[in-house]
Structures are given as C-alpha cells and as structure tokens.
C-alpha cells in the first residue's frame, strides 16, 4: 500500500516562501495569481493490507514527526 500525505500551513500562518513565489510569478507576467501557499507532499510505502490500520499508523506518524500540528494541517490518503 501507499500512503499519500498532504501537509499545508494552517490559515493565518504566514508563508514567506509562498509570498516570494507569488511576487516572482507577478514579475514574470502572471497577473492573475492572487496568492500562493507552499506545502509538502510525502509518499510512504507500507506493508500490509488493512487500509484502516494503515491510515491510523500514518496519522500517528504525521502527529509525531511529519507535520508540525501547531502550524500545519495534514490529510492522509491510502492507495
């Protein structure tokens, strides 16, 4: 199985990297860009066949290491 984890900054958390990318896109002529937020994407290969158990384990991984839950949200998908 494969777990896909999407990590994004919580609303209201400043994103200087996203702001820099947004400004640069404007300088490159992309006028329609209203804002940019930068996040993380993580793939985890898992053994086993129980998607529910896999999601629980990956959620624990995110809470303990992958995401900073003070500043970030995460979403887990199991394939």
PDB file of N, CA and C in Angstrom:
ATOM      1  N   UNK A   1       0.838  -1.182   0.000  1.00  0.00           N
ATOM      2  CA  UNK A   1       0.000   0.000   0.000  1.00  0.00           C
ATOM      3  C   UNK A   1       0.878   1.238   0.000  1.00  0.00           C
ATOM      4  N   UNK A   2       0.281   2.324  -0.451  1.00  0.00           N
ATOM      5  CA  UNK A   2       0.977   3.593  -0.462  1.00  0.00           C
ATOM      6  C   UNK A   2       0.111   4.624   0.255  1.00  0.00           C
ATOM      7  N   UNK A   3       0.756   5.381   1.151  1.00  0.00           N
ATOM      8  CA  UNK A   3       0.082   6.495   1.812  1.00  0.00           C
ATOM      9  C   UNK A   3       0.559   7.784   1.160  1.00  0.00           C
ATOM     10  N   UNK A   4      -0.378   8.645   0.870  1.00  0.00           N
ATOM     11  CA  UNK A   4      -0.070   9.973   0.362  1.00  0.00           C
ATOM     12  C   UNK A   4      -0.462  10.966   1.444  1.00  0.00           C
ATOM     13  N   UNK A   5       0.483  11.816   1.822  1.00  0.00           N
ATOM     14  CA  UNK A   5       0.249  12.790   2.888  1.00  0.00           C
ATOM     15  C   UNK A   5       0.432  14.187   2.309  1.00  0.00           C
ATOM     16  N   UNK A   6      -0.587  15.015   2.487  1.00  0.00           N
ATOM     17  CA  UNK A   6      -0.552  16.406   2.044  1.00  0.00           C
ATOM     18  C   UNK A   6      -0.503  17.288   3.286  1.00  0.00           C
ATOM     19  N   UNK A   7       0.545  18.095   3.405  1.00  0.00           N
ATOM     20  CA  UNK A   7       0.728  18.956   4.563  1.00  0.00           C
ATOM     21  C   UNK A   7       0.640  20.409   4.086  1.00  0.00           C
ATOM     22  N   UNK A   8      -0.235  21.186   4.730  1.00  0.00           N
ATOM     23  CA  UNK A   8      -0.400  22.590   4.372  1.00  0.00           C
ATOM     24  C   UNK A   8      -0.368  23.445   5.627  1.00  0.00           C
ATOM     25  N   UNK A   9       0.023  24.692   5.451  1.00  0.00           N
ATOM     26  CA  UNK A   9       0.012  25.619   6.569  1.00  0.00           C
ATOM     27  C   UNK A   9      -1.423  25.939   6.966  1.00  0.00           C
ATOM     28  N   UNK A  10      -1.639  26.096   8.254  1.00  0.00           N
ATOM     29  CA  UNK A  10      -2.954  26.494   8.736  1.00  0.00           C
ATOM     30  C   UNK A  10      -3.259  27.915   8.282  1.00  0.00           C
ATOM     31  N   UNK A  11      -4.536  28.206   8.157  1.00  0.00           N
ATOM     32  CA  UNK A  11      -4.971  29.546   7.795  1.00  0.00           C
ATOM     33  C   UNK A  11      -4.447  30.536   8.830  1.00  0.00           C
ATOM     34  N   UNK A  12      -3.941  31.644   8.377  1.00  0.00           N
ATOM     35  CA  UNK A  12      -3.427  32.664   9.287  1.00  0.00           C
ATOM     36  C   UNK A  12      -1.949  32.550   9.587  1.00  0.00           C
ATOM     37  N   UNK A  13      -1.328  31.426   9.247  1.00  0.00           N
ATOM     38  CA  UNK A  13       0.115  31.260   9.444  1.00  0.00           C
ATOM     39  C   UNK A  13       0.816  31.910   8.250  1.00  0.00           C
ATOM     40  N   UNK A  14       1.768  32.784   8.527  1.00  0.00           N
ATOM     41  CA  UNK A  14       2.495  33.449   7.458  1.00  0.00           C
ATOM     42  C   UNK A  14       3.278  32.444   6.634  1.00  0.00           C
ATOM     43  N   UNK A  15       3.351  32.689   5.325  1.00  0.00           N
ATOM     44  CA  UNK A  15       4.057  31.808   4.406  1.00  0.00           C
ATOM     45  C   UNK A  15       5.019  32.638   3.563  1.00  0.00           C
ATOM     46  N   UNK A  16       6.202  32.962   4.103  1.00  0.00           N
ATOM     47  CA  UNK A  16       7.138  33.791   3.351  1.00  0.00           C
ATOM     48  C   UNK A  16       7.585  33.162   2.035  1.00  0.00           C
ATOM     49  N   UNK A  17       7.717  31.843   2.003  1.00  0.00           N
ATOM     50  CA  UNK A  17       8.105  31.176   0.763  1.00  0.00           C
ATOM     51  C   UNK A  17       7.004  31.338  -0.287  1.00  0.00           C
ATOM     52  N   UNK A  18       5.769  31.151   0.117  1.00  0.00           N
ATOM     53  CA  UNK A  18       4.653  31.340  -0.803  1.00  0.00           C
ATOM     54  C   UNK A  18       4.556  32.777  -1.291  1.00  0.00           C
ATOM     55  N   UNK A  19       4.796  33.740  -0.392  1.00  0.00           N
ATOM     56  CA  UNK A  19       4.767  35.150  -0.776  1.00  0.00           C
ATOM     57  C   UNK A  19       5.858  35.460  -1.801  1.00  0.00           C
ATOM     58  N   UNK A  20       7.057  34.904  -1.599  1.00  0.00           N
ATOM     59  CA  UNK A  20       8.156  35.129  -2.540  1.00  0.00           C
ATOM     60  C   UNK A  20       7.814  34.547  -3.912  1.00  0.00           C
ATOM     61  N   UNK A  21       7.243  33.350  -3.933  1.00  0.00           N
ATOM     62  CA  UNK A  21       6.856  32.742  -5.206  1.00  0.00           C
ATOM     63  C   UNK A  21       5.761  33.573  -5.877  1.00  0.00           C
ATOM     64  N   UNK A  22       4.789  34.036  -5.094  1.00  0.00           N
ATOM     65  CA  UNK A  22       3.720  34.865  -5.648  1.00  0.00           C
ATOM     66  C   UNK A  22       4.245  36.153  -6.269  1.00  0.00           C
ATOM     67  N   UNK A  23       5.165  36.824  -5.556  1.00  0.00           N
ATOM     68  CA  UNK A  23       5.759  38.059  -6.106  1.00  0.00           C
ATOM     69  C   UNK A  23       6.518  37.769  -7.393  1.00  0.00           C
ATOM     70  N   UNK A  24       7.285  36.698  -7.413  1.00  0.00           N
ATOM     71  CA  UNK A  24       8.072  36.355  -8.591  1.00  0.00           C
ATOM     72  C   UNK A  24       7.176  35.999  -9.772  1.00  0.00           C
ATOM     73  N   UNK A  25       6.097  35.291  -9.512  1.00  0.00           N
ATOM     74  CA  UNK A  25       5.161  34.987 -10.601  1.00  0.00           C
ATOM     75  C   UNK A  25       4.594  36.275 -11.196  1.00  0.00           C
ATOM     76  N   UNK A  26       4.289  37.250 -10.336  1.00  0.00           N
ATOM     77  CA  UNK A  26       3.814  38.541 -10.825  1.00  0.00           C
ATOM     78  C   UNK A  26       4.855  39.222 -11.705  1.00  0.00           C
ATOM     79  N   UNK A  27       6.122  39.162 -11.282  1.00  0.00           N
ATOM     80  CA  UNK A  27       7.204  39.769 -12.067  1.00  0.00           C
ATOM     81  C   UNK A  27       7.401  39.053 -13.404  1.00  0.00           C
ATOM     82  N   UNK A  28       7.050  37.780 -13.456  1.00  0.00           N
ATOM     83  CA  UNK A  28       7.159  37.018 -14.694  1.00  0.00           C
ATOM     84  C   UNK A  28       5.962  37.224 -15.614  1.00  0.00           C
ATOM     85  N   UNK A  29       5.007  38.039 -15.176  1.00  0.00           N
ATOM     86  CA  UNK A  29       3.872  38.369 -16.026  1.00  0.00           C
ATOM     87  C   UNK A  29       2.593  37.604 -15.731  1.00  0.00           C
ATOM     88  N   UNK A  30       2.574  36.788 -14.703  1.00  0.00           N
ATOM     89  CA  UNK A  30       1.363  36.050 -14.347  1.00  0.00           C
ATOM     90  C   UNK A  30       0.506  36.932 -13.432  1.00  0.00           C
ATOM     91  N   UNK A  31      -0.322  37.751 -14.049  1.00  0.00           N
ATOM     92  CA  UNK A  31      -1.070  38.765 -13.313  1.00  0.00           C
ATOM     93  C   UNK A  31      -2.267  38.217 -12.556  1.00  0.00           C
ATOM     94  N   UNK A  32      -2.770  37.077 -12.914  1.00  0.00           N
ATOM     95  CA  UNK A  32      -3.967  36.536 -12.295  1.00  0.00           C
ATOM     96  C   UNK A  32      -3.730  35.810 -10.974  1.00  0.00           C
ATOM     97  N   UNK A  33      -2.490  35.710 -10.527  1.00  0.00           N
ATOM     98  CA  UNK A  33      -2.184  34.989  -9.291  1.00  0.00           C
ATOM     99  C   UNK A  33      -2.493  35.883  -8.099  1.00  0.00           C
ATOM    100  N   UNK A  34      -3.455  35.459  -7.276  1.00  0.00           N
ATOM    101  CA  UNK A  34      -3.855  36.257  -6.109  1.00  0.00           C
ATOM    102  C   UNK A  34      -3.081  35.872  -4.860  1.00  0.00           C
ATOM    103  N   UNK A  35      -2.577  34.661  -4.791  1.00  0.00           N
ATOM    104  CA  UNK A  35      -1.834  34.226  -3.621  1.00  0.00           C
ATOM    105  C   UNK A  35      -1.256  32.844  -3.846  1.00  0.00           C
ATOM    106  N   UNK A  36      -0.195  32.550  -3.112  1.00  0.00           N
ATOM    107  CA  UNK A  36       0.470  31.249  -3.213  1.00  0.00           C
ATOM    108  C   UNK A  36       0.745  30.756  -1.801  1.00  0.00           C
ATOM    109  N   UNK A  37       0.458  29.497  -1.548  1.00  0.00           N
ATOM    110  CA  UNK A  37       0.793  28.835  -0.274  1.00  0.00           C
ATOM    111  C   UNK A  37       1.621  27.612  -0.628  1.00  0.00           C
ATOM    112  N   UNK A  38       2.712  27.408   0.061  1.00  0.00           N
ATOM    113  CA  UNK A  38       3.607  26.283  -0.187  1.00  0.00           C
ATOM    114  C   UNK A  38       3.359  25.216   0.873  1.00  0.00           C
ATOM    115  N   UNK A  39       3.294  23.969   0.452  1.00  0.00           N
ATOM    116  CA  UNK A  39       3.089  22.865   1.379  1.00  0.00           C
ATOM    117  C   UNK A  39       4.067  21.738   1.103  1.00  0.00           C
ATOM    118  N   UNK A  40       3.772  20.566   1.638  1.00  0.00           N
ATOM    119  CA  UNK A  40       4.614  19.385   1.455  1.00  0.00           C
ATOM    120  C   UNK A  40       3.753  18.222   0.984  1.00  0.00           C
ATOM    121  N   UNK A  41       4.365  17.356   0.213  1.00  0.00           N
ATOM    122  CA  UNK A  41       3.729  16.119  -0.217  1.00  0.00           C
ATOM    123  C   UNK A  41       4.685  14.984   0.127  1.00  0.00           C
ATOM    124  N   UNK A  42       4.185  13.959   0.830  1.00  0.00           N
ATOM    125  CA  UNK A  42       5.009  12.845   1.268  1.00  0.00           C
ATOM    126  C   UNK A  42       4.340  11.541   0.844  1.00  0.00           C
ATOM    127  N   UNK A  43       5.101  10.632   0.242  1.00  0.00           N
ATOM    128  CA  UNK A  43       4.611   9.290  -0.062  1.00  0.00           C
ATOM    129  C   UNK A  43       5.306   8.296   0.854  1.00  0.00           C
ATOM    130  N   UNK A  44       4.533   7.379   1.420  1.00  0.00           N
ATOM    131  CA  UNK A  44       5.070   6.361   2.312  1.00  0.00           C
ATOM    132  C   UNK A  44       4.609   5.000   1.816  1.00  0.00           C
ATOM    133  N   UNK A  45       5.547   4.124   1.513  1.00  0.00           N
ATOM    134  CA  UNK A  45       5.230   2.753   1.118  1.00  0.00           C
ATOM    135  C   UNK A  45       5.021   1.934   2.387  1.00  0.00           C
ATOM    136  N   UNK A  46       3.923   1.184   2.430  1.00  0.00           N
ATOM    137  CA  UNK A  46       3.555   0.427   3.630  1.00  0.00           C
ATOM    138  C   UNK A  46       3.352  -1.047   3.306  1.00  0.00           C
ATOM    139  N   UNK A  47       3.679  -1.886   4.270  1.00  0.00           N
ATOM    140  CA  UNK A  47       3.352  -3.303   4.177  1.00  0.00           C
ATOM    141  C   UNK A  47       1.962  -3.513   4.762  1.00  0.00           C
ATOM    142  N   UNK A  48       1.325  -4.604   4.395  1.00  0.00           N
ATOM    143  CA  UNK A  48       0.025  -4.918   4.955  1.00  0.00           C
ATOM    144  C   UNK A  48      -1.097  -4.702   3.967  1.00  0.00           C
ATOM    145  N   UNK A  49      -2.314  -5.056   4.422  1.00  0.00           N
ATOM    146  CA  UNK A  49      -3.472  -4.998   3.531  1.00  0.00           C
ATOM    147  C   UNK A  49      -4.686  -4.343   4.182  1.00  0.00           C
ATOM    148  N   UNK A  50      -4.515  -3.742   5.329  1.00  0.00           N
ATOM    149  CA  UNK A  50      -5.639  -3.142   6.055  1.00  0.00           C
ATOM    150  C   UNK A  50      -5.564  -1.620   5.942  1.00  0.00           C
ATOM    151  N   UNK A  51      -6.332  -1.017   5.031  1.00  0.00           N
ATOM    152  CA  UNK A  51      -6.268   0.429   4.823  1.00  0.00           C
ATOM    153  C   UNK A  51      -6.598   1.234   6.080  1.00  0.00           C
ATOM    154  N   UNK A  52      -7.540   0.762   6.880  1.00  0.00           N
ATOM    155  CA  UNK A  52      -7.917   1.495   8.094  1.00  0.00           C
ATOM    156  C   UNK A  52      -6.744   1.552   9.078  1.00  0.00           C
ATOM    157  N   UNK A  53      -6.084   0.404   9.274  1.00  0.00           N
ATOM    158  CA  UNK A  53      -4.923   0.367  10.166  1.00  0.00           C
ATOM    159  C   UNK A  53      -3.797   1.239   9.609  1.00  0.00           C
ATOM    160  N   UNK A  54      -3.588   1.183   8.296  1.00  0.00           N
ATOM    161  CA  UNK A  54      -2.543   1.994   7.664  1.00  0.00           C
ATOM    162  C   UNK A  54      -2.809   3.480   7.879  1.00  0.00           C
ATOM    163  N   UNK A  55      -4.056   3.895   7.715  1.00  0.00           N
ATOM    164  CA  UNK A  55      -4.384   5.309   7.917  1.00  0.00           C
ATOM    165  C   UNK A  55      -4.143   5.730   9.362  1.00  0.00           C
ATOM    166  N   UNK A  56      -4.485   4.869  10.304  1.00  0.00           N
ATOM    167  CA  UNK A  56      -4.240   5.173  11.715  1.00  0.00           C
ATOM    168  C   UNK A  56      -2.744   5.322  11.988  1.00  0.00           C
ATOM    169  N   UNK A  57      -1.933   4.413  11.433  1.00  0.00           N
ATOM    170  CA  UNK A  57      -0.489   4.475  11.643  1.00  0.00           C
ATOM    171  C   UNK A  57       0.125   5.727  11.017  1.00  0.00           C
ATOM    172  N   UNK A  58      -0.286   6.048   9.803  1.00  0.00           N
ATOM    173  CA  UNK A  58       0.262   7.226   9.124  1.00  0.00           C
ATOM    174  C   UNK A  58      -0.186   8.497   9.843  1.00  0.00           C
ATOM    175  N   UNK A  59      -1.395   8.519  10.351  1.00  0.00           N
ATOM    176  CA  UNK A  59      -1.851   9.673  11.141  1.00  0.00           C
ATOM    177  C   UNK A  59      -0.969   9.860  12.367  1.00  0.00           C
ATOM    178  N   UNK A  60      -0.608   8.765  13.026  1.00  0.00           N
ATOM    179  CA  UNK A  60       0.316   8.852  14.166  1.00  0.00           C
ATOM    180  C   UNK A  60       1.669   9.404  13.724  1.00  0.00           C
ATOM    181  N   UNK A  61       2.166   8.919  12.581  1.00  0.00           N
ATOM    182  CA  UNK A  61       3.444   9.407  12.049  1.00  0.00           C
ATOM    183  C   UNK A  61       3.399  10.912  11.808  1.00  0.00           C
ATOM    184  N   UNK A  62       2.281  11.367  11.253  1.00  0.00           N
ATOM    185  CA  UNK A  62       2.140  12.799  10.971  1.00  0.00           C
ATOM    186  C   UNK A  62       2.115  13.611  12.257  1.00  0.00           C
ATOM    187  N   UNK A  63       1.373  13.136  13.235  1.00  0.00           N
ATOM    188  CA  UNK A  63       1.286  13.853  14.508  1.00  0.00           C
ATOM    189  C   UNK A  63       2.617  13.885  15.248  1.00  0.00           C
ATOM    190  N   UNK A  64       3.424  12.835  15.102  1.00  0.00           N
ATOM    191  CA  UNK A  64       4.680  12.743  15.832  1.00  0.00           C
ATOM    192  C   UNK A  64       5.870  13.358  15.096  1.00  0.00           C
ATOM    193  N   UNK A  65       5.855  13.359  13.751  1.00  0.00           N
ATOM    194  CA  UNK A  65       7.053  13.771  13.028  1.00  0.00           C
ATOM    195  C   UNK A  65       6.810  14.577  11.754  1.00  0.00           C
ATOM    196  N   UNK A  66       5.927  14.096  10.899  1.00  0.00           N
ATOM    197  CA  UNK A  66       5.841  14.649   9.553  1.00  0.00           C
ATOM    198  C   UNK A  66       5.271  16.064   9.531  1.00  0.00           C
ATOM    199  N   UNK A  67       4.269  16.333  10.337  1.00  0.00           N
ATOM    200  CA  UNK A  67       3.632  17.657  10.354  1.00  0.00           C
ATOM    201  C   UNK A  67       3.873  18.333  11.697  1.00  0.00           C
ATOM    202  N   UNK A  68       4.048  19.635  11.649  1.00  0.00           N
ATOM    203  CA  UNK A  68       4.087  20.446  12.860  1.00  0.00           C
ATOM    204  C   UNK A  68       2.646  20.887  13.100  1.00  0.00           C
ATOM    205  N   UNK A  69       1.935  20.171  13.941  1.00  0.00           N
ATOM    206  CA  UNK A  69       0.491  20.379  14.078  1.00  0.00           C
ATOM    207  C   UNK A  69       0.126  21.703  14.737  1.00  0.00           C
ATOM    208  N   UNK A  70       1.098  22.428  15.241  1.00  0.00           N
ATOM    209  CA  UNK A  70       0.825  23.774  15.744  1.00  0.00           C
ATOM    210  C   UNK A  70       0.574  24.710  14.564  1.00  0.00           C
ATOM    211  N   UNK A  71       1.319  24.495  13.475  1.00  0.00           N
ATOM    212  CA  UNK A  71       1.252  25.403  12.324  1.00  0.00           C
ATOM    213  C   UNK A  71       0.690  24.767  11.058  1.00  0.00           C
ATOM    214  N   UNK A  72       0.597  23.438  11.031  1.00  0.00           N
ATOM    215  CA  UNK A  72       0.225  22.764   9.793  1.00  0.00           C
ATOM    216  C   UNK A  72      -0.959  21.823   9.970  1.00  0.00           C
ATOM    217  N   UNK A  73      -1.716  21.681   8.898  1.00  0.00           N
ATOM    218  CA  UNK A  73      -2.751  20.662   8.770  1.00  0.00           C
ATOM    219  C   UNK A  73      -2.207  19.568   7.872  1.00  0.00           C
ATOM    220  N   UNK A  74      -2.777  18.371   7.974  1.00  0.00           N
ATOM    221  CA  UNK A  74      -2.397  17.308   7.057  1.00  0.00           C
ATOM    222  C   UNK A  74      -3.613  16.480   6.684  1.00  0.00           C
ATOM    223  N   UNK A  75      -3.491  15.841   5.520  1.00  0.00           N
ATOM    224  CA  UNK A  75      -4.533  14.950   5.020  1.00  0.00           C
ATOM    225  C   UNK A  75      -3.844  13.687   4.531  1.00  0.00           C
ATOM    226  N   UNK A  76      -4.408  12.534   4.873  1.00  0.00           N
ATOM    227  CA  UNK A  76      -3.830  11.238   4.514  1.00  0.00           C
ATOM    228  C   UNK A  76      -4.754  10.530   3.540  1.00  0.00           C
ATOM    229  N   UNK A  77      -4.180   9.995   2.475  1.00  0.00           N
ATOM    230  CA  UNK A  77      -4.894   9.128   1.523  1.00  0.00           C
ATOM    231  C   UNK A  77      -4.154   7.811   1.439  1.00  0.00           C
ATOM    232  N   UNK A  78      -4.888   6.711   1.467  1.00  0.00           N
ATOM    233  CA  UNK A  78      -4.292   5.382   1.353  1.00  0.00           C
ATOM    234  C   UNK A  78      -4.713   4.770   0.033  1.00  0.00           C
ATOM    235  N   UNK A  79      -3.732   4.338  -0.754  1.00  0.00           N
ATOM    236  CA  UNK A  79      -3.992   3.656  -2.038  1.00  0.00           C
ATOM    237  C   UNK A  79      -3.716   2.191  -1.891  1.00  0.00           C
TER     238      UNK A  79
END
